[in-house]
Protein backbone atom coordinates (compact mmCIF):
# COMPACT_ATOMS: atom_id res chain seq x y z
CA UNK A 1 23.01 11.56 -17.10
CA UNK A 2 20.06 12.12 -14.76
CA UNK A 3 19.45 10.63 -11.29
CA UNK A 4 17.16 7.91 -12.63
CA UNK A 5 19.90 6.59 -14.93
CA UNK A 6 22.52 6.56 -12.17
CA UNK A 7 20.37 4.95 -9.46
CA UNK A 8 21.15 1.28 -8.85
CA UNK A 9 18.48 -1.05 -10.17
CA UNK A 10 16.91 -3.22 -7.49
CA UNK A 11 14.89 -6.30 -8.38
CA UNK A 12 11.27 -6.27 -7.35
CA UNK A 13 10.49 -7.99 -4.05
CA UNK A 14 8.85 -10.93 -5.84
CA UNK A 15 11.59 -11.37 -8.44
CA UNK A 16 14.24 -11.24 -5.73
CA UNK A 17 12.33 -14.02 -3.95
CA UNK A 18 12.26 -16.16 -7.10
CA UNK A 19 8.68 -15.45 -8.21
CA UNK A 20 8.66 -14.89 -11.97
CA UNK A 21 5.03 -13.81 -12.40
CA UNK A 22 4.18 -10.48 -10.78
CA UNK A 23 0.61 -10.28 -12.08
CA UNK A 24 -2.35 -12.55 -11.36
CA UNK A 25 -5.94 -12.46 -12.60
CA UNK A 26 -8.84 -14.63 -11.53
CA UNK A 27 -12.52 -14.33 -12.44
CA UNK A 28 -13.09 -11.38 -10.08
CA UNK A 29 -9.62 -10.29 -8.93
CA UNK A 30 -6.68 -8.42 -10.44
CA UNK A 31 -3.45 -8.56 -8.44
CA UNK A 32 -0.10 -7.02 -9.34
CA UNK A 33 3.15 -5.99 -7.71
CA UNK A 34 3.89 -2.27 -7.87
CA UNK A 35 7.56 -1.46 -8.41
CA UNK A 36 9.69 1.67 -8.58
CA UNK A 37 7.87 3.39 -5.72
CA UNK A 38 9.46 5.84 -3.33
CA UNK A 39 8.32 5.24 0.25
CA UNK A 40 9.15 7.42 3.25
CA UNK A 41 8.13 7.14 6.90
CA UNK A 42 7.68 10.37 8.85
CA UNK A 43 7.36 10.71 12.60
CA UNK A 44 7.24 13.68 14.95
CA UNK A 45 7.08 14.31 18.67
CA UNK A 46 4.99 17.39 17.92
CA UNK A 47 1.97 18.09 15.74
CA UNK A 48 2.87 18.72 12.12
CA UNK A 49 1.03 21.56 10.38
CA UNK A 50 -0.58 20.37 7.17
CA UNK A 51 -0.42 16.69 8.12
CA UNK A 52 -3.58 14.98 9.29
CA UNK A 53 -3.43 13.50 12.77
CA UNK A 54 -6.49 11.33 12.15
CA UNK A 55 -5.39 7.70 12.13
CA UNK A 56 -6.42 5.94 8.94
CA UNK A 57 -6.75 9.05 6.83
CA UNK A 58 -5.41 8.74 3.29
CA UNK A 59 -4.89 11.95 1.29
CA UNK A 60 -3.27 13.05 -1.94
CA UNK A 61 -2.56 11.17 -5.14
CA UNK A 62 1.19 11.41 -5.70
CA UNK A 63 2.50 11.28 -3.14
CA UNK A 64 -0.21 9.49 -1.19
CA UNK A 65 -0.04 10.42 2.49
CA UNK A 66 -1.22 7.77 4.96
CA UNK A 67 -1.68 8.58 8.65
CA UNK A 68 -0.55 5.41 10.46
CA UNK A 69 -1.17 6.71 13.97
CA UNK A 70 -1.03 10.13 15.65
CA UNK A 71 2.24 11.81 14.65
CA UNK A 72 3.35 9.06 12.24
CA UNK A 73 2.80 8.92 8.47
CA UNK A 74 3.82 7.02 5.36
CA UNK A 75 4.30 8.75 2.00
CA UNK A 76 4.23 6.78 -1.25
CA UNK A 77 5.09 8.22 -4.65
CA UNK A 78 5.18 6.63 -8.10
CA UNK A 79 6.70 9.68 -9.79
CA UNK A 80 9.47 10.74 -7.38
CA UNK A 81 12.81 9.19 -6.60
CA UNK A 82 13.43 8.45 -2.89
CA UNK A 83 15.66 11.51 -2.38
CA UNK A 84 13.03 13.73 -4.02
CA UNK A 85 10.32 12.34 -1.75
CA UNK A 86 12.46 12.97 1.33
CA UNK A 87 13.07 16.56 0.18
CA UNK A 88 9.35 16.97 -0.46
CA UNK A 89 8.53 15.75 3.07
CA UNK A 90 11.12 17.76 5.02
CA UNK A 91 9.20 21.07 5.10
CA UNK A 92 6.18 19.30 6.61
CA UNK A 93 7.99 18.55 9.88
CA UNK A 94 9.94 20.43 12.54
CA UNK A 95 13.48 19.03 12.19
CA UNK A 96 14.33 19.24 15.90
CA UNK A 97 11.50 16.88 16.91
CA UNK A 98 11.01 14.82 13.73
CA UNK A 99 12.50 11.99 11.73
CA UNK A 100 12.20 11.02 8.06
CA UNK A 101 13.48 7.68 6.76
CA UNK A 102 13.57 6.05 3.34
CA UNK A 103 11.79 2.68 3.19
CA UNK A 104 11.66 2.38 -0.61
CA UNK A 105 13.71 -0.82 -0.88
CA UNK A 106 12.45 -2.34 2.36
CA UNK A 107 8.79 -2.65 1.44
CA UNK A 108 6.70 -4.56 -1.09
CA UNK A 109 3.46 -3.13 -2.48
CA UNK A 110 0.72 -5.21 -4.12
CA UNK A 111 -2.30 -3.67 -5.85
CA UNK A 112 -5.57 -5.56 -5.54
CA UNK A 113 -8.75 -4.66 -7.40
CA UNK A 114 -11.93 -6.15 -8.79
CA UNK A 115 -15.24 -7.31 -7.40
CA UNK A 116 -13.59 -10.12 -5.45
CA UNK A 117 -10.90 -7.93 -3.83
CA UNK A 118 -12.83 -7.07 -0.63
CA UNK A 119 -13.89 -10.71 -0.25
CA UNK A 120 -10.29 -11.86 -0.52
CA UNK A 121 -9.12 -9.37 2.08
CA UNK A 122 -12.01 -10.25 4.40
CA UNK A 123 -10.98 -13.91 4.25
CA UNK A 124 -7.50 -13.00 5.48
CA UNK A 125 -8.19 -10.40 8.19
CA UNK A 126 -10.93 -9.38 10.59
CA UNK A 127 -11.75 -6.02 8.98
CA UNK A 128 -14.93 -5.39 6.99
CA UNK A 129 -13.64 -4.45 3.53
CA UNK A 130 -17.06 -4.67 1.85
CA UNK A 131 -18.74 -1.93 3.88
CA UNK A 132 -15.57 0.17 4.06
CA UNK A 133 -15.77 0.70 0.29
CA UNK A 134 -18.53 3.26 0.85
CA UNK A 135 -16.07 5.44 2.79
CA UNK A 136 -13.60 7.80 1.19
CA UNK A 137 -9.95 6.92 0.81
CA UNK A 138 -8.55 5.46 4.02
CA UNK A 139 -5.96 3.05 5.38
CA UNK A 140 -5.73 0.47 8.16
CA UNK A 141 -3.03 -1.76 9.59
CA UNK A 142 -3.91 -5.39 10.16
CA UNK A 143 -2.52 -8.92 10.23
CA UNK A 144 -2.98 -11.32 7.33
CA UNK A 145 -1.42 -14.75 7.63
CA UNK A 146 0.51 -13.45 10.68
CA UNK A 147 2.06 -10.70 8.51
CA UNK A 148 1.63 -7.02 9.32
CA UNK A 149 0.00 -5.37 6.30
CA UNK A 150 -0.98 -1.76 5.71
CA UNK A 151 -4.11 -1.67 3.52
CA UNK A 152 -4.65 1.62 1.66
CA UNK A 153 -7.97 2.04 -0.13
CA UNK A 154 -7.76 4.94 -2.57
CA UNK A 155 -8.70 6.18 -6.01
CA UNK A 156 -6.22 5.92 -8.85
CA UNK A 157 -6.06 8.71 -11.45
CA UNK A 158 -9.67 9.78 -10.85
CA UNK A 159 -10.74 6.26 -11.84
CA UNK A 160 -11.66 3.22 -9.83
CA UNK A 161 -10.71 2.57 -6.23
CA UNK A 162 -8.02 0.00 -5.45
CA UNK A 163 -6.53 -1.67 -2.40
CA UNK A 164 -2.76 -1.21 -2.08
CA UNK A 165 -1.17 -3.69 0.33
CA UNK A 166 2.11 -2.51 1.87
CA UNK A 167 4.26 -5.01 3.76
CA UNK A 168 7.81 -5.85 4.70
CA UNK A 169 9.74 -7.00 1.63
CA UNK A 170 10.93 -10.20 3.29
CA UNK A 171 7.34 -11.56 3.40
CA UNK A 172 6.55 -10.78 -0.26
CA UNK A 173 6.66 -14.34 -1.63
CA UNK A 174 4.69 -15.92 1.20
CA UNK A 175 2.04 -13.19 1.12
CA UNK A 176 1.73 -13.28 -2.69
CA UNK A 177 1.19 -17.05 -2.59
CA UNK A 178 -1.38 -16.65 0.19
CA UNK A 179 -3.34 -14.14 -1.90
CA UNK A 180 -3.20 -16.28 -5.05
CA UNK A 181 -4.19 -19.49 -3.25
CA UNK A 182 -7.11 -17.77 -1.48
CA UNK A 183 -8.49 -16.16 -4.64
CA UNK A 184 -10.66 -19.08 -5.82
CA UNK A 185 -12.88 -18.93 -2.74
CA UNK A 186 -13.02 -15.12 -2.97
CA UNK A 187 -14.23 -15.53 -6.59
CA UNK A 188 -17.03 -17.81 -5.39
CA UNK A 189 -18.07 -15.38 -2.66
CA UNK A 190 -18.08 -12.41 -5.04
CA UNK A 191 -20.12 -14.32 -7.63
CA UNK A 192 -22.59 -15.71 -5.08
CA UNK A 193 -23.05 -12.64 -2.89
CA UNK A 194 -21.93 -9.68 -5.02
CA UNK A 195 -20.22 -6.51 -3.88
CA UNK A 196 -20.89 -3.92 -1.21
CA UNK A 197 -24.51 -3.01 -0.51
């Protein structure tokens, strides 16, 4: 029996909160909950060779490495188990001045895409998601509905760019409902004004 078969199964953040539908589509928006991700937070008191110190930089595909602030990063993997991701991250840091922690079951991740996605996010926070689409992959921390959300804009499998929204698991239901309820106006804005210039 391999590690995947022996790992305890944890309900998705939405299903645990009583939400039965984990996908939503409107005229211009596709929203879904991502499950089975391994998420690790890395921090160091010293510079880490090979890790970007530029806040907001988003590199890699699997794992995706997000620089949250100088000397602090988040790694997200869809293919690794949490213990594999931790082992993968350990050589990046000096153990005497660094910490690695598993956040896989403490976070919820929603994927948002479509022409209306930047309009929806702009309705909920003060960042300019329309013009930021011309930049390469990047991330930013912001508040949406009084919830701290990490927004990662990156390319998936050499295809289209998506917004991944990472937040504390306990807010999953409230934030999901906020996104769904705000989507109709985002559809109108996307249809009336289009996408990024």
